[in-house]
Amino acid sequence: MKNVVPLVLVVVLAGVAFWFYQSRTRGQLNPDIAEFHKDAERLIQGLQQYKEFFKHYPTGTSAEISKALSGQGTSNVVIYATASAKKNDKGEIVDTWGSAIQFYFSHNAVLIRSAGPNKVWEDSRFGGSDDLYRTDTK
């Protein structure tokens, strides 16, 4: 009986480690999440190019930011890195699941947020959130 307890403990710890590993790598294995990160990387590149050209990030709603990147804003400059971004009927850039992307800007940084697969904006402090974020600071 004394030999069984350590064996059970090892099996339980291995199971917990496997579950933790799966939960941490799930997003890496999901092609839709990988697509979001690829698209977000292009968007960030485009937003940084916009800032280099105009000396500020685009402003306004998601649709206005999308139009500014597409050359439909106050200037006719098209940011090539974002030209192939998917858009909804409102002209907003959307994520893999069709939800409008949210943009956040600071002095030298961009944060892009997606509602994730469930298409619901959630508080990231709670474990069940599937919202996705991508940022790049320079």
C-alpha atoms as a PDB file:
ATOM      1  CA  MET A   1       0.000   0.000   0.000  1.00  0.00           C
ATOM      2  CA  LYS A   2       2.897   2.395   0.756  1.00  0.00           C
ATOM      3  CA  ASN A   3       4.190   1.954  -2.816  1.00  0.00           C
ATOM      4  CA  VAL A   4       0.785   2.804  -4.343  1.00  0.00           C
ATOM      5  CA  VAL A   5       0.527   6.298  -2.786  1.00  0.00           C
ATOM      6  CA  PRO A   6       3.678   7.682  -4.483  1.00  0.00           C
ATOM      7  CA  LEU A   7       2.570   6.120  -7.777  1.00  0.00           C
ATOM      8  CA  VAL A   8      -0.888   7.726  -7.529  1.00  0.00           C
ATOM      9  CA  LEU A   9       0.739  11.042  -6.634  1.00  0.00           C
ATOM     10  CA  VAL A  10       3.014  10.851  -9.700  1.00  0.00           C
ATOM     11  CA  VAL A  11       0.057  10.022 -11.972  1.00  0.00           C
ATOM     12  CA  VAL A  12      -2.002  12.911 -10.564  1.00  0.00           C
ATOM     13  CA  LEU A  13       0.901  15.364 -10.938  1.00  0.00           C
ATOM     14  CA  ALA A  14       1.523  14.156 -14.503  1.00  0.00           C
ATOM     15  CA  GLY A  15      -2.168  14.676 -15.301  1.00  0.00           C
ATOM     16  CA  VAL A  16      -2.144  18.195 -13.875  1.00  0.00           C
ATOM     17  CA  ALA A  17       1.046  19.018 -15.797  1.00  0.00           C
ATOM     18  CA  PHE A  18      -0.484  17.674 -19.027  1.00  0.00           C
ATOM     19  CA  TRP A  19      -3.697  19.693 -18.488  1.00  0.00           C
ATOM     20  CA  PHE A  20      -1.667  22.846 -17.795  1.00  0.00           C
ATOM     21  CA  TYR A  21       0.455  22.267 -20.914  1.00  0.00           C
ATOM     22  CA  GLN A  22      -2.650  21.721 -23.069  1.00  0.00           C
ATOM     23  CA  SER A  23      -4.361  24.852 -21.742  1.00  0.00           C
ATOM     24  CA  ARG A  24      -1.232  26.957 -22.411  1.00  0.00           C
ATOM     25  CA  THR A  25      -0.643  25.624 -25.940  1.00  0.00           C
ATOM     26  CA  ARG A  26      -4.256  25.363 -27.105  1.00  0.00           C
ATOM     27  CA  GLY A  27      -4.075  28.729 -28.861  1.00  0.00           C
ATOM     28  CA  GLN A  28      -0.882  27.748 -30.652  1.00  0.00           C
ATOM     29  CA  LEU A  29      -2.590  24.708 -32.138  1.00  0.00           C
ATOM     30  CA  ASN A  30      -5.799  26.479 -33.188  1.00  0.00           C
ATOM     31  CA  PRO A  31      -5.438  27.719 -36.780  1.00  0.00           C
ATOM     32  CA  ASP A  32      -8.045  30.485 -36.275  1.00  0.00           C
ATOM     33  CA  ILE A  33      -6.094  31.907 -33.352  1.00  0.00           C
ATOM     34  CA  ALA A  34      -2.870  31.664 -35.344  1.00  0.00           C
ATOM     35  CA  GLU A  35      -4.621  33.542 -38.173  1.00  0.00           C
ATOM     36  CA  PHE A  36      -5.702  36.282 -35.743  1.00  0.00           C
ATOM     37  CA  HIS A  37      -2.095  36.776 -34.602  1.00  0.00           C
ATOM     38  CA  LYS A  38      -0.847  36.877 -38.200  1.00  0.00           C
ATOM     39  CA  ASP A  39      -3.524  39.440 -39.162  1.00  0.00           C
ATOM     40  CA  ALA A  40      -2.881  41.461 -35.998  1.00  0.00           C
ATOM     41  CA  GLU A  41       0.837  41.569 -36.752  1.00  0.00           C
ATOM     42  CA  ARG A  42       0.063  43.057 -40.189  1.00  0.00           C
ATOM     43  CA  LEU A  43      -2.343  45.573 -38.637  1.00  0.00           C
ATOM     44  CA  ILE A  44       0.249  46.674 -36.102  1.00  0.00           C
ATOM     45  CA  GLN A  45       2.805  47.039 -38.884  1.00  0.00           C
ATOM     46  CA  GLY A  46       0.313  49.156 -40.833  1.00  0.00           C
ATOM     47  CA  LEU A  47      -0.523  51.315 -37.827  1.00  0.00           C
ATOM     48  CA  GLN A  48       3.176  51.896 -37.164  1.00  0.00           C
ATOM     49  CA  GLN A  49       3.653  52.851 -40.841  1.00  0.00           C
ATOM     50  CA  TYR A  50       0.708  55.243 -40.569  1.00  0.00           C
ATOM     51  CA  LYS A  51       2.297  56.842 -37.525  1.00  0.00           C
ATOM     52  CA  GLU A  52       5.671  57.172 -39.260  1.00  0.00           C
ATOM     53  CA  PHE A  53       4.023  58.908 -42.225  1.00  0.00           C
ATOM     54  CA  PHE A  54       1.529  61.152 -40.398  1.00  0.00           C
ATOM     55  CA  LYS A  55       3.390  61.505 -37.063  1.00  0.00           C
ATOM     56  CA  HIS A  56       0.336  60.221 -35.139  1.00  0.00           C
ATOM     57  CA  TYR A  57      -1.921  57.189 -35.049  1.00  0.00           C
ATOM     58  CA  PRO A  58      -5.323  57.317 -36.739  1.00  0.00           C
ATOM     59  CA  THR A  59      -8.169  58.409 -34.496  1.00  0.00           C
ATOM     60  CA  GLY A  60     -11.877  57.795 -34.174  1.00  0.00           C
ATOM     61  CA  THR A  61     -14.060  54.725 -34.235  1.00  0.00           C
ATOM     62  CA  SER A  62     -12.972  51.351 -35.551  1.00  0.00           C
ATOM     63  CA  ALA A  63     -14.602  52.194 -38.897  1.00  0.00           C
ATOM     64  CA  GLU A  64     -12.801  55.562 -39.066  1.00  0.00           C
ATOM     65  CA  ILE A  65      -9.461  53.929 -38.255  1.00  0.00           C
ATOM     66  CA  SER A  66     -10.111  51.313 -40.933  1.00  0.00           C
ATOM     67  CA  LYS A  67     -10.957  54.023 -43.478  1.00  0.00           C
ATOM     68  CA  ALA A  68      -7.828  55.983 -42.577  1.00  0.00           C
ATOM     69  CA  LEU A  69      -5.671  52.901 -43.186  1.00  0.00           C
ATOM     70  CA  SER A  70      -7.476  52.265 -46.494  1.00  0.00           C
ATOM     71  CA  GLY A  71      -6.890  55.788 -47.815  1.00  0.00           C
ATOM     72  CA  GLN A  72     -10.556  56.746 -47.440  1.00  0.00           C
ATOM     73  CA  GLY A  73     -10.000  59.206 -44.598  1.00  0.00           C
ATOM     74  CA  THR A  74      -8.724  62.770 -44.858  1.00  0.00           C
ATOM     75  CA  SER A  75      -5.788  61.594 -46.986  1.00  0.00           C
ATOM     76  CA  ASN A  76      -5.556  59.269 -49.938  1.00  0.00           C
ATOM     77  CA  VAL A  77      -2.630  57.310 -48.512  1.00  0.00           C
ATOM     78  CA  VAL A  78      -3.237  53.553 -48.475  1.00  0.00           C
ATOM     79  CA  ILE A  79      -1.269  51.556 -45.918  1.00  0.00           C
ATOM     80  CA  TYR A  80      -0.346  48.440 -47.882  1.00  0.00           C
ATOM     81  CA  ALA A  81       0.128  46.219 -44.804  1.00  0.00           C
ATOM     82  CA  THR A  82      -3.585  46.549 -44.018  1.00  0.00           C
ATOM     83  CA  ALA A  83      -4.985  46.534 -47.568  1.00  0.00           C
ATOM     84  CA  SER A  84      -6.065  42.881 -47.376  1.00  0.00           C
ATOM     85  CA  ALA A  85      -7.728  43.151 -43.953  1.00  0.00           C
ATOM     86  CA  LYS A  86     -11.232  41.665 -43.768  1.00  0.00           C
ATOM     87  CA  LYS A  87     -14.016  44.190 -43.144  1.00  0.00           C
ATOM     88  CA  ASN A  88     -17.669  44.048 -42.156  1.00  0.00           C
ATOM     89  CA  ASP A  89     -20.577  45.989 -43.702  1.00  0.00           C
ATOM     90  CA  LYS A  90     -19.744  49.026 -41.533  1.00  0.00           C
ATOM     91  CA  GLY A  91     -16.209  49.138 -42.934  1.00  0.00           C
ATOM     92  CA  GLU A  92     -14.628  47.996 -39.662  1.00  0.00           C
ATOM     93  CA  ILE A  93     -11.640  45.665 -39.746  1.00  0.00           C
ATOM     94  CA  VAL A  94     -12.786  42.325 -38.330  1.00  0.00           C
ATOM     95  CA  ASP A  95     -11.098  39.351 -36.725  1.00  0.00           C
ATOM     96  CA  THR A  96     -11.169  35.739 -37.893  1.00  0.00           C
ATOM     97  CA  TRP A  97     -14.656  35.298 -36.412  1.00  0.00           C
ATOM     98  CA  GLY A  98     -16.180  38.439 -37.962  1.00  0.00           C
ATOM     99  CA  SER A  99     -16.144  40.685 -34.876  1.00  0.00           C
ATOM    100  CA  ALA A 100     -14.823  44.244 -35.171  1.00  0.00           C
ATOM    101  CA  ILE A 101     -11.267  44.676 -33.917  1.00  0.00           C
ATOM    102  CA  GLN A 102     -10.689  47.216 -31.134  1.00  0.00           C
ATOM    103  CA  PHE A 103      -7.662  49.488 -31.326  1.00  0.00           C
ATOM    104  CA  TYR A 104      -5.856  51.121 -28.411  1.00  0.00           C
ATOM    105  CA  PHE A 105      -2.989  53.566 -28.761  1.00  0.00           C
ATOM    106  CA  SER A 106      -0.430  55.065 -26.427  1.00  0.00           C
ATOM    107  CA  HIS A 107       2.505  57.284 -27.299  1.00  0.00           C
ATOM    108  CA  ASN A 108       4.547  54.562 -29.033  1.00  0.00           C
ATOM    109  CA  ALA A 109       2.431  51.447 -28.694  1.00  0.00           C
ATOM    110  CA  VAL A 110      -0.538  49.760 -30.291  1.00  0.00           C
ATOM    111  CA  LEU A 111      -2.806  47.150 -28.756  1.00  0.00           C
ATOM    112  CA  ILE A 112      -5.259  45.203 -30.896  1.00  0.00           C
ATOM    113  CA  ARG A 113      -8.075  43.316 -29.201  1.00  0.00           C
ATOM    114  CA  SER A 114     -10.388  40.607 -30.526  1.00  0.00           C
ATOM    115  CA  ALA A 115     -13.532  39.278 -28.843  1.00  0.00           C
ATOM    116  CA  GLY A 116     -12.224  35.816 -29.709  1.00  0.00           C
ATOM    117  CA  PRO A 117     -14.073  32.725 -30.899  1.00  0.00           C
ATOM    118  CA  ASN A 118     -17.162  33.302 -28.737  1.00  0.00           C
ATOM    119  CA  LYS A 119     -17.545  36.870 -30.131  1.00  0.00           C
ATOM    120  CA  VAL A 120     -18.222  38.288 -26.639  1.00  0.00           C
ATOM    121  CA  TRP A 121     -16.082  41.014 -25.039  1.00  0.00           C
ATOM    122  CA  GLU A 122     -14.995  39.657 -21.666  1.00  0.00           C
ATOM    123  CA  ASP A 123     -12.982  40.803 -18.690  1.00  0.00           C
ATOM    124  CA  SER A 124      -9.541  39.206 -18.955  1.00  0.00           C
ATOM    125  CA  ARG A 125      -9.274  38.954 -15.158  1.00  0.00           C
ATOM    126  CA  PHE A 126     -11.628  35.997 -15.270  1.00  0.00           C
ATOM    127  CA  GLY A 127     -10.367  32.594 -16.364  1.00  0.00           C
ATOM    128  CA  GLY A 128     -13.011  31.856 -18.994  1.00  0.00           C
ATOM    129  CA  SER A 129     -12.165  34.796 -21.258  1.00  0.00           C
ATOM    130  CA  ASP A 130     -11.182  33.870 -24.793  1.00  0.00           C
ATOM    131  CA  ASP A 131     -10.508  37.457 -25.885  1.00  0.00           C
ATOM    132  CA  LEU A 132      -7.233  37.841 -27.767  1.00  0.00           C
ATOM    133  CA  TYR A 133      -4.710  40.664 -27.607  1.00  0.00           C
ATOM    134  CA  ARG A 134      -1.707  41.616 -29.660  1.00  0.00           C
ATOM    135  CA  THR A 135       0.628  44.498 -28.972  1.00  0.00           C
ATOM    136  CA  ASP A 136       3.878  45.936 -30.176  1.00  0.00           C
ATOM    137  CA  THR A 137       5.821  48.595 -28.325  1.00  0.00           C
ATOM    138  CA  LYS A 138       8.604  50.587 -29.872  1.00  0.00           C
END
